[in-house]
Every structure is written in structure tokens, then in C-alpha cells.
Amino acid sequence: MRKTSAVQFAATLSLALGCLAPLPALADAIDGAWCSPEGKHLNIKGRSITTPGGATLEGDYSRHAFSYVAPASEPGGGDTIYMRIVNDTTMLVQQGTPVAQPITWKRCETVS
């Protein structure tokens, strides 16, 4: 039986402990109620969105991103609105193109 050197043991222990280190948390999902800095609100539930203007429609949904075409009756009507979640409480929203200057939205606070 071969003896393990102290260096090999330390390297193995370091690797094992590194695997146990906590990973940064990813946001769970984009679903939910969101509020803009200007006081606008929207709500996403799967492929369905209630827009800031109150329209309910379907868009392109993935767990961490959503996009839809703004209704003609709302500001930016006809533009595609792109949203992506940054963390559990923060979402970036871009209008017209996914490289437009983003606006930071936050999860709406529940008031009881």
C-alpha cells in the first residue's frame, strides 16, 4: 500500500472543500409582479403578461427572460420590449432592441 504525501493530501482536501463552497444564487424565475422607477407595474405568469397599460397578452418566455410586442395603445406601441432577470429582485428592461439602454425594475413590494 502506497502512502499519500502531505502535498497530495492537501491538494485533494482543497479540491474537495472547493466543491462544497456555496455557489452564487441564480434568480428563481422572471414570473411575478415588477415595478419601474416611474411607478409602472407589470405582471408575468409563464407566457402571459399584464403590461403596464393593463393589456393581457402572450410573449416569448424563458425562465429568466421575457419579451413581447407593446400594444399600439401603449407608449412604445409596436416596439419589442425585452426583459431579463438579474437576481431575485432586479430585472432589466429594454425597449426596441436588446442592446438599448436598460431600465432597472424591481419586484413590487407586497402591501398588506
N, C-alpha and C. Protein backbone atom coordinates (compact mmCIF):
# COMPACT_ATOMS: atom_id res chain seq x y z
N MET A 1 0.84 -1.18 0.00
CA MET A 1 0.00 0.00 0.00
C MET A 1 0.89 1.24 0.00
N ARG A 2 0.59 2.17 -0.85
CA ARG A 2 1.39 3.37 -1.03
C ARG A 2 0.91 4.48 -0.10
N LYS A 3 1.79 5.23 0.50
CA LYS A 3 1.43 6.35 1.37
C LYS A 3 1.21 7.60 0.52
N THR A 4 0.20 8.38 0.86
CA THR A 4 -0.07 9.63 0.17
C THR A 4 0.77 10.73 0.81
N SER A 5 1.42 11.52 -0.01
CA SER A 5 2.25 12.60 0.53
C SER A 5 1.37 13.71 1.09
N ALA A 6 1.91 14.51 1.94
CA ALA A 6 1.19 15.62 2.54
C ALA A 6 0.71 16.60 1.47
N VAL A 7 1.50 16.81 0.43
CA VAL A 7 1.13 17.74 -0.65
C VAL A 7 -0.07 17.20 -1.41
N GLN A 8 -0.05 15.90 -1.72
CA GLN A 8 -1.17 15.30 -2.44
C GLN A 8 -2.44 15.36 -1.59
N PHE A 9 -2.28 15.08 -0.29
CA PHE A 9 -3.42 15.12 0.61
C PHE A 9 -4.01 16.53 0.67
N ALA A 10 -3.14 17.53 0.79
CA ALA A 10 -3.60 18.91 0.86
C ALA A 10 -4.32 19.31 -0.43
N ALA A 11 -3.80 18.91 -1.56
CA ALA A 11 -4.41 19.24 -2.85
C ALA A 11 -5.79 18.58 -2.96
N THR A 12 -5.88 17.32 -2.55
CA THR A 12 -7.16 16.60 -2.60
C THR A 12 -8.18 17.24 -1.66
N LEU A 13 -7.75 17.57 -0.46
CA LEU A 13 -8.63 18.21 0.52
C LEU A 13 -9.10 19.57 0.00
N SER A 14 -8.21 20.35 -0.58
CA SER A 14 -8.56 21.66 -1.11
C SER A 14 -9.60 21.53 -2.23
N LEU A 15 -9.42 20.56 -3.11
CA LEU A 15 -10.36 20.34 -4.20
C LEU A 15 -11.73 19.93 -3.64
N ALA A 16 -11.73 19.04 -2.66
CA ALA A 16 -12.99 18.58 -2.07
C ALA A 16 -13.73 19.72 -1.39
N LEU A 17 -13.01 20.54 -0.64
CA LEU A 17 -13.64 21.67 0.05
C LEU A 17 -14.14 22.71 -0.95
N GLY A 18 -13.41 22.89 -2.04
CA GLY A 18 -13.83 23.82 -3.09
C GLY A 18 -15.15 23.42 -3.71
N CYS A 19 -15.40 22.12 -3.81
CA CYS A 19 -16.66 21.62 -4.36
C CYS A 19 -17.83 21.89 -3.42
N LEU A 20 -17.54 22.04 -2.14
CA LEU A 20 -18.58 22.29 -1.16
C LEU A 20 -18.89 23.77 -0.98
N ALA A 21 -18.07 24.63 -1.54
CA ALA A 21 -18.25 26.08 -1.38
C ALA A 21 -19.58 26.49 -1.99
N PRO A 22 -20.29 27.43 -1.38
CA PRO A 22 -21.57 27.86 -1.94
C PRO A 22 -21.38 28.57 -3.27
N LEU A 23 -22.30 28.31 -4.17
CA LEU A 23 -22.28 28.97 -5.48
C LEU A 23 -23.19 30.19 -5.40
N PRO A 24 -22.95 31.21 -6.24
CA PRO A 24 -23.84 32.36 -6.23
C PRO A 24 -25.25 31.92 -6.62
N ALA A 25 -26.23 32.47 -5.95
CA ALA A 25 -27.62 32.10 -6.23
C ALA A 25 -28.08 32.75 -7.52
N LEU A 26 -28.76 31.96 -8.32
CA LEU A 26 -29.37 32.49 -9.53
C LEU A 26 -30.81 32.83 -9.22
N ALA A 27 -31.32 33.81 -9.90
CA ALA A 27 -32.71 34.19 -9.69
C ALA A 27 -33.60 33.01 -10.06
N ASP A 28 -34.64 32.82 -9.29
CA ASP A 28 -35.50 31.67 -9.50
C ASP A 28 -36.24 31.75 -10.83
N ALA A 29 -36.98 32.83 -11.07
CA ALA A 29 -37.73 32.98 -12.32
C ALA A 29 -38.18 34.42 -12.47
N ILE A 30 -38.46 34.79 -13.71
CA ILE A 30 -38.89 36.16 -14.02
C ILE A 30 -40.37 36.36 -13.67
N ASP A 31 -41.09 35.27 -13.44
CA ASP A 31 -42.52 35.37 -13.12
C ASP A 31 -42.75 36.24 -11.89
N GLY A 32 -43.84 37.00 -11.91
CA GLY A 32 -44.22 37.80 -10.76
C GLY A 32 -44.52 39.24 -11.11
N ALA A 33 -44.73 40.03 -10.07
CA ALA A 33 -45.07 41.45 -10.21
C ALA A 33 -43.80 42.29 -10.16
N TRP A 34 -43.67 43.23 -11.11
CA TRP A 34 -42.49 44.09 -11.23
C TRP A 34 -42.92 45.55 -11.26
N CYS A 35 -42.09 46.42 -10.67
CA CYS A 35 -42.37 47.86 -10.62
C CYS A 35 -41.19 48.64 -11.19
N SER A 36 -41.50 49.67 -11.99
CA SER A 36 -40.46 50.52 -12.58
C SER A 36 -40.15 51.68 -11.65
N PRO A 37 -39.04 52.37 -11.89
CA PRO A 37 -38.72 53.55 -11.08
C PRO A 37 -39.77 54.66 -11.23
N GLU A 38 -40.51 54.67 -12.36
CA GLU A 38 -41.54 55.70 -12.61
C GLU A 38 -42.90 55.31 -12.05
N GLY A 39 -42.99 54.16 -11.39
CA GLY A 39 -44.26 53.73 -10.81
C GLY A 39 -45.12 52.85 -11.71
N LYS A 40 -44.59 52.39 -12.85
CA LYS A 40 -45.34 51.48 -13.71
C LYS A 40 -45.29 50.08 -13.10
N HIS A 41 -46.26 49.24 -13.48
CA HIS A 41 -46.33 47.87 -12.97
C HIS A 41 -46.57 46.92 -14.13
N LEU A 42 -46.05 45.71 -14.02
CA LEU A 42 -46.38 44.64 -14.94
C LEU A 42 -46.34 43.33 -14.17
N ASN A 43 -46.98 42.31 -14.74
CA ASN A 43 -47.02 41.01 -14.08
C ASN A 43 -46.81 39.92 -15.12
N ILE A 44 -45.88 39.03 -14.86
CA ILE A 44 -45.57 37.92 -15.76
C ILE A 44 -45.96 36.62 -15.09
N LYS A 45 -46.67 35.77 -15.84
CA LYS A 45 -47.01 34.43 -15.36
C LYS A 45 -46.87 33.48 -16.54
N GLY A 46 -45.70 32.83 -16.60
CA GLY A 46 -45.42 31.97 -17.76
C GLY A 46 -45.36 32.82 -19.02
N ARG A 47 -46.08 32.39 -20.06
CA ARG A 47 -46.08 33.15 -21.33
C ARG A 47 -47.02 34.35 -21.30
N SER A 48 -47.78 34.53 -20.23
CA SER A 48 -48.75 35.61 -20.14
C SER A 48 -48.17 36.82 -19.40
N ILE A 49 -48.48 38.01 -19.90
CA ILE A 49 -48.05 39.25 -19.25
C ILE A 49 -49.23 40.21 -19.18
N THR A 50 -49.32 40.91 -18.07
CA THR A 50 -50.20 42.06 -17.97
C THR A 50 -49.26 43.26 -18.05
N THR A 51 -49.40 44.03 -19.11
CA THR A 51 -48.47 45.12 -19.41
C THR A 51 -48.72 46.33 -18.51
N PRO A 52 -47.81 47.29 -18.51
CA PRO A 52 -48.02 48.50 -17.71
C PRO A 52 -49.32 49.23 -18.06
N GLY A 53 -49.78 49.08 -19.30
CA GLY A 53 -51.03 49.72 -19.72
C GLY A 53 -52.27 48.90 -19.41
N GLY A 54 -52.09 47.70 -18.83
CA GLY A 54 -53.22 46.87 -18.44
C GLY A 54 -53.63 45.81 -19.45
N ALA A 55 -52.95 45.72 -20.59
CA ALA A 55 -53.28 44.70 -21.58
C ALA A 55 -52.74 43.34 -21.12
N THR A 56 -53.50 42.29 -21.37
CA THR A 56 -53.03 40.94 -21.09
C THR A 56 -52.78 40.26 -22.42
N LEU A 57 -51.57 39.77 -22.62
CA LEU A 57 -51.20 39.12 -23.87
C LEU A 57 -50.11 38.09 -23.61
N GLU A 58 -49.73 37.38 -24.66
CA GLU A 58 -48.67 36.38 -24.54
C GLU A 58 -47.40 36.88 -25.19
N GLY A 59 -46.28 36.42 -24.66
CA GLY A 59 -44.98 36.81 -25.19
C GLY A 59 -44.04 35.62 -25.22
N ASP A 60 -42.80 35.89 -25.50
CA ASP A 60 -41.76 34.86 -25.52
C ASP A 60 -41.16 34.73 -24.14
N TYR A 61 -41.36 33.57 -23.52
CA TYR A 61 -40.98 33.33 -22.13
C TYR A 61 -39.86 32.31 -22.03
N SER A 62 -38.88 32.63 -21.22
CA SER A 62 -37.96 31.63 -20.71
C SER A 62 -37.86 31.92 -19.22
N ARG A 63 -37.33 31.02 -18.48
CA ARG A 63 -37.33 31.16 -17.02
C ARG A 63 -36.72 32.48 -16.55
N HIS A 64 -35.73 33.01 -17.27
CA HIS A 64 -35.02 34.21 -16.83
C HIS A 64 -35.14 35.39 -17.79
N ALA A 65 -36.00 35.27 -18.79
CA ALA A 65 -36.17 36.36 -19.76
C ALA A 65 -37.59 36.33 -20.33
N PHE A 66 -38.03 37.48 -20.83
CA PHE A 66 -39.36 37.60 -21.42
C PHE A 66 -39.30 38.73 -22.44
N SER A 67 -40.01 38.58 -23.55
CA SER A 67 -40.15 39.68 -24.50
C SER A 67 -41.56 39.65 -25.08
N TYR A 68 -42.03 40.83 -25.49
CA TYR A 68 -43.36 40.95 -26.09
C TYR A 68 -43.38 42.21 -26.94
N VAL A 69 -44.36 42.29 -27.81
CA VAL A 69 -44.56 43.48 -28.63
C VAL A 69 -45.59 44.35 -27.91
N ALA A 70 -45.20 45.59 -27.61
CA ALA A 70 -46.09 46.51 -26.90
C ALA A 70 -47.32 46.80 -27.75
N PRO A 71 -48.51 46.77 -27.14
CA PRO A 71 -49.73 47.10 -27.88
C PRO A 71 -49.68 48.53 -28.41
N ALA A 72 -50.34 48.77 -29.52
CA ALA A 72 -50.35 50.09 -30.14
C ALA A 72 -50.89 51.17 -29.21
N SER A 73 -51.77 50.79 -28.28
CA SER A 73 -52.39 51.76 -27.37
C SER A 73 -51.47 52.20 -26.22
N GLU A 74 -50.30 51.57 -26.11
CA GLU A 74 -49.37 51.90 -25.03
C GLU A 74 -48.16 52.65 -25.56
N PRO A 75 -47.47 53.41 -24.68
CA PRO A 75 -46.23 54.07 -25.11
C PRO A 75 -45.26 53.03 -25.69
N GLY A 76 -44.66 53.37 -26.81
CA GLY A 76 -43.76 52.44 -27.48
C GLY A 76 -44.50 51.36 -28.24
N GLY A 77 -45.78 51.60 -28.52
CA GLY A 77 -46.60 50.62 -29.23
C GLY A 77 -45.91 50.13 -30.50
N GLY A 78 -45.88 48.83 -30.68
CA GLY A 78 -45.22 48.22 -31.83
C GLY A 78 -43.78 47.84 -31.57
N ASP A 79 -43.16 48.42 -30.53
CA ASP A 79 -41.78 48.06 -30.18
C ASP A 79 -41.76 46.75 -29.42
N THR A 80 -40.69 46.00 -29.59
CA THR A 80 -40.49 44.81 -28.77
C THR A 80 -39.87 45.25 -27.45
N ILE A 81 -40.40 44.73 -26.37
CA ILE A 81 -39.90 45.01 -25.03
C ILE A 81 -39.14 43.76 -24.58
N TYR A 82 -37.89 43.93 -24.19
CA TYR A 82 -37.04 42.83 -23.76
C TYR A 82 -36.78 42.95 -22.26
N MET A 83 -36.95 41.85 -21.55
CA MET A 83 -36.72 41.84 -20.11
C MET A 83 -35.85 40.64 -19.76
N ARG A 84 -34.93 40.86 -18.83
CA ARG A 84 -34.13 39.75 -18.33
C ARG A 84 -33.88 39.96 -16.85
N ILE A 85 -33.97 38.88 -16.12
CA ILE A 85 -33.82 38.94 -14.68
C ILE A 85 -32.33 38.94 -14.32
N VAL A 86 -31.95 39.77 -13.37
CA VAL A 86 -30.57 39.86 -12.89
C VAL A 86 -30.41 39.04 -11.62
N ASN A 87 -31.38 39.17 -10.73
CA ASN A 87 -31.41 38.39 -9.49
C ASN A 87 -32.86 38.32 -9.04
N ASP A 88 -33.10 37.81 -7.85
CA ASP A 88 -34.48 37.63 -7.40
C ASP A 88 -35.29 38.92 -7.32
N THR A 89 -34.63 40.06 -7.20
CA THR A 89 -35.36 41.31 -7.02
C THR A 89 -35.14 42.34 -8.12
N THR A 90 -34.32 42.04 -9.11
CA THR A 90 -33.95 43.03 -10.12
C THR A 90 -34.12 42.48 -11.54
N MET A 91 -34.70 43.30 -12.41
CA MET A 91 -34.89 42.95 -13.81
C MET A 91 -34.49 44.14 -14.67
N LEU A 92 -33.86 43.88 -15.80
CA LEU A 92 -33.51 44.93 -16.76
C LEU A 92 -34.50 44.89 -17.91
N VAL A 93 -35.00 46.07 -18.30
CA VAL A 93 -35.99 46.18 -19.37
C VAL A 93 -35.43 47.09 -20.46
N GLN A 94 -35.50 46.62 -21.71
CA GLN A 94 -35.03 47.39 -22.85
C GLN A 94 -36.14 47.47 -23.88
N GLN A 95 -36.29 48.63 -24.50
CA GLN A 95 -37.35 48.84 -25.48
C GLN A 95 -36.78 48.99 -26.87
N GLY A 96 -37.34 48.24 -27.82
CA GLY A 96 -36.98 48.38 -29.23
C GLY A 96 -35.87 47.45 -29.68
N THR A 97 -34.87 47.25 -28.85
CA THR A 97 -33.75 46.39 -29.21
C THR A 97 -33.10 45.85 -27.93
N PRO A 98 -32.56 44.64 -27.98
CA PRO A 98 -31.95 44.09 -26.76
C PRO A 98 -30.64 44.76 -26.37
N VAL A 99 -30.18 45.74 -27.15
CA VAL A 99 -28.97 46.48 -26.77
C VAL A 99 -29.28 47.92 -26.38
N ALA A 100 -30.57 48.26 -26.28
CA ALA A 100 -30.97 49.61 -25.85
C ALA A 100 -30.56 49.81 -24.40
N GLN A 101 -30.49 51.08 -23.99
CA GLN A 101 -30.16 51.40 -22.59
C GLN A 101 -31.20 50.75 -21.67
N PRO A 102 -30.78 49.89 -20.75
CA PRO A 102 -31.76 49.22 -19.89
C PRO A 102 -32.28 50.11 -18.77
N ILE A 103 -33.50 49.82 -18.37
CA ILE A 103 -34.11 50.45 -17.19
C ILE A 103 -34.25 49.35 -16.14
N THR A 104 -33.84 49.65 -14.93
CA THR A 104 -33.89 48.66 -13.86
C THR A 104 -35.26 48.68 -13.19
N TRP A 105 -35.92 47.54 -13.19
CA TRP A 105 -37.19 47.35 -12.50
C TRP A 105 -36.91 46.49 -11.28
N LYS A 106 -37.75 46.64 -10.26
CA LYS A 106 -37.63 45.84 -9.03
C LYS A 106 -38.92 45.08 -8.80
N ARG A 107 -38.80 43.98 -8.07
CA ARG A 107 -40.02 43.26 -7.67
C ARG A 107 -40.88 44.22 -6.85
N CYS A 108 -42.18 44.21 -7.11
CA CYS A 108 -43.09 45.04 -6.33
C CYS A 108 -43.17 44.52 -4.91
N GLU A 109 -43.22 45.43 -3.96
CA GLU A 109 -43.35 45.03 -2.56
C GLU A 109 -44.80 44.73 -2.27
N THR A 110 -45.03 43.66 -1.52
CA THR A 110 -46.38 43.29 -1.13
C THR A 110 -46.80 44.18 0.02
N VAL A 111 -47.96 44.80 -0.13
CA VAL A 111 -48.51 45.64 0.93
C VAL A 111 -49.72 44.94 1.50
N SER A 112 -49.71 44.74 2.81
CA SER A 112 -50.86 44.03 3.42
C SER A 112 -51.68 44.98 4.27
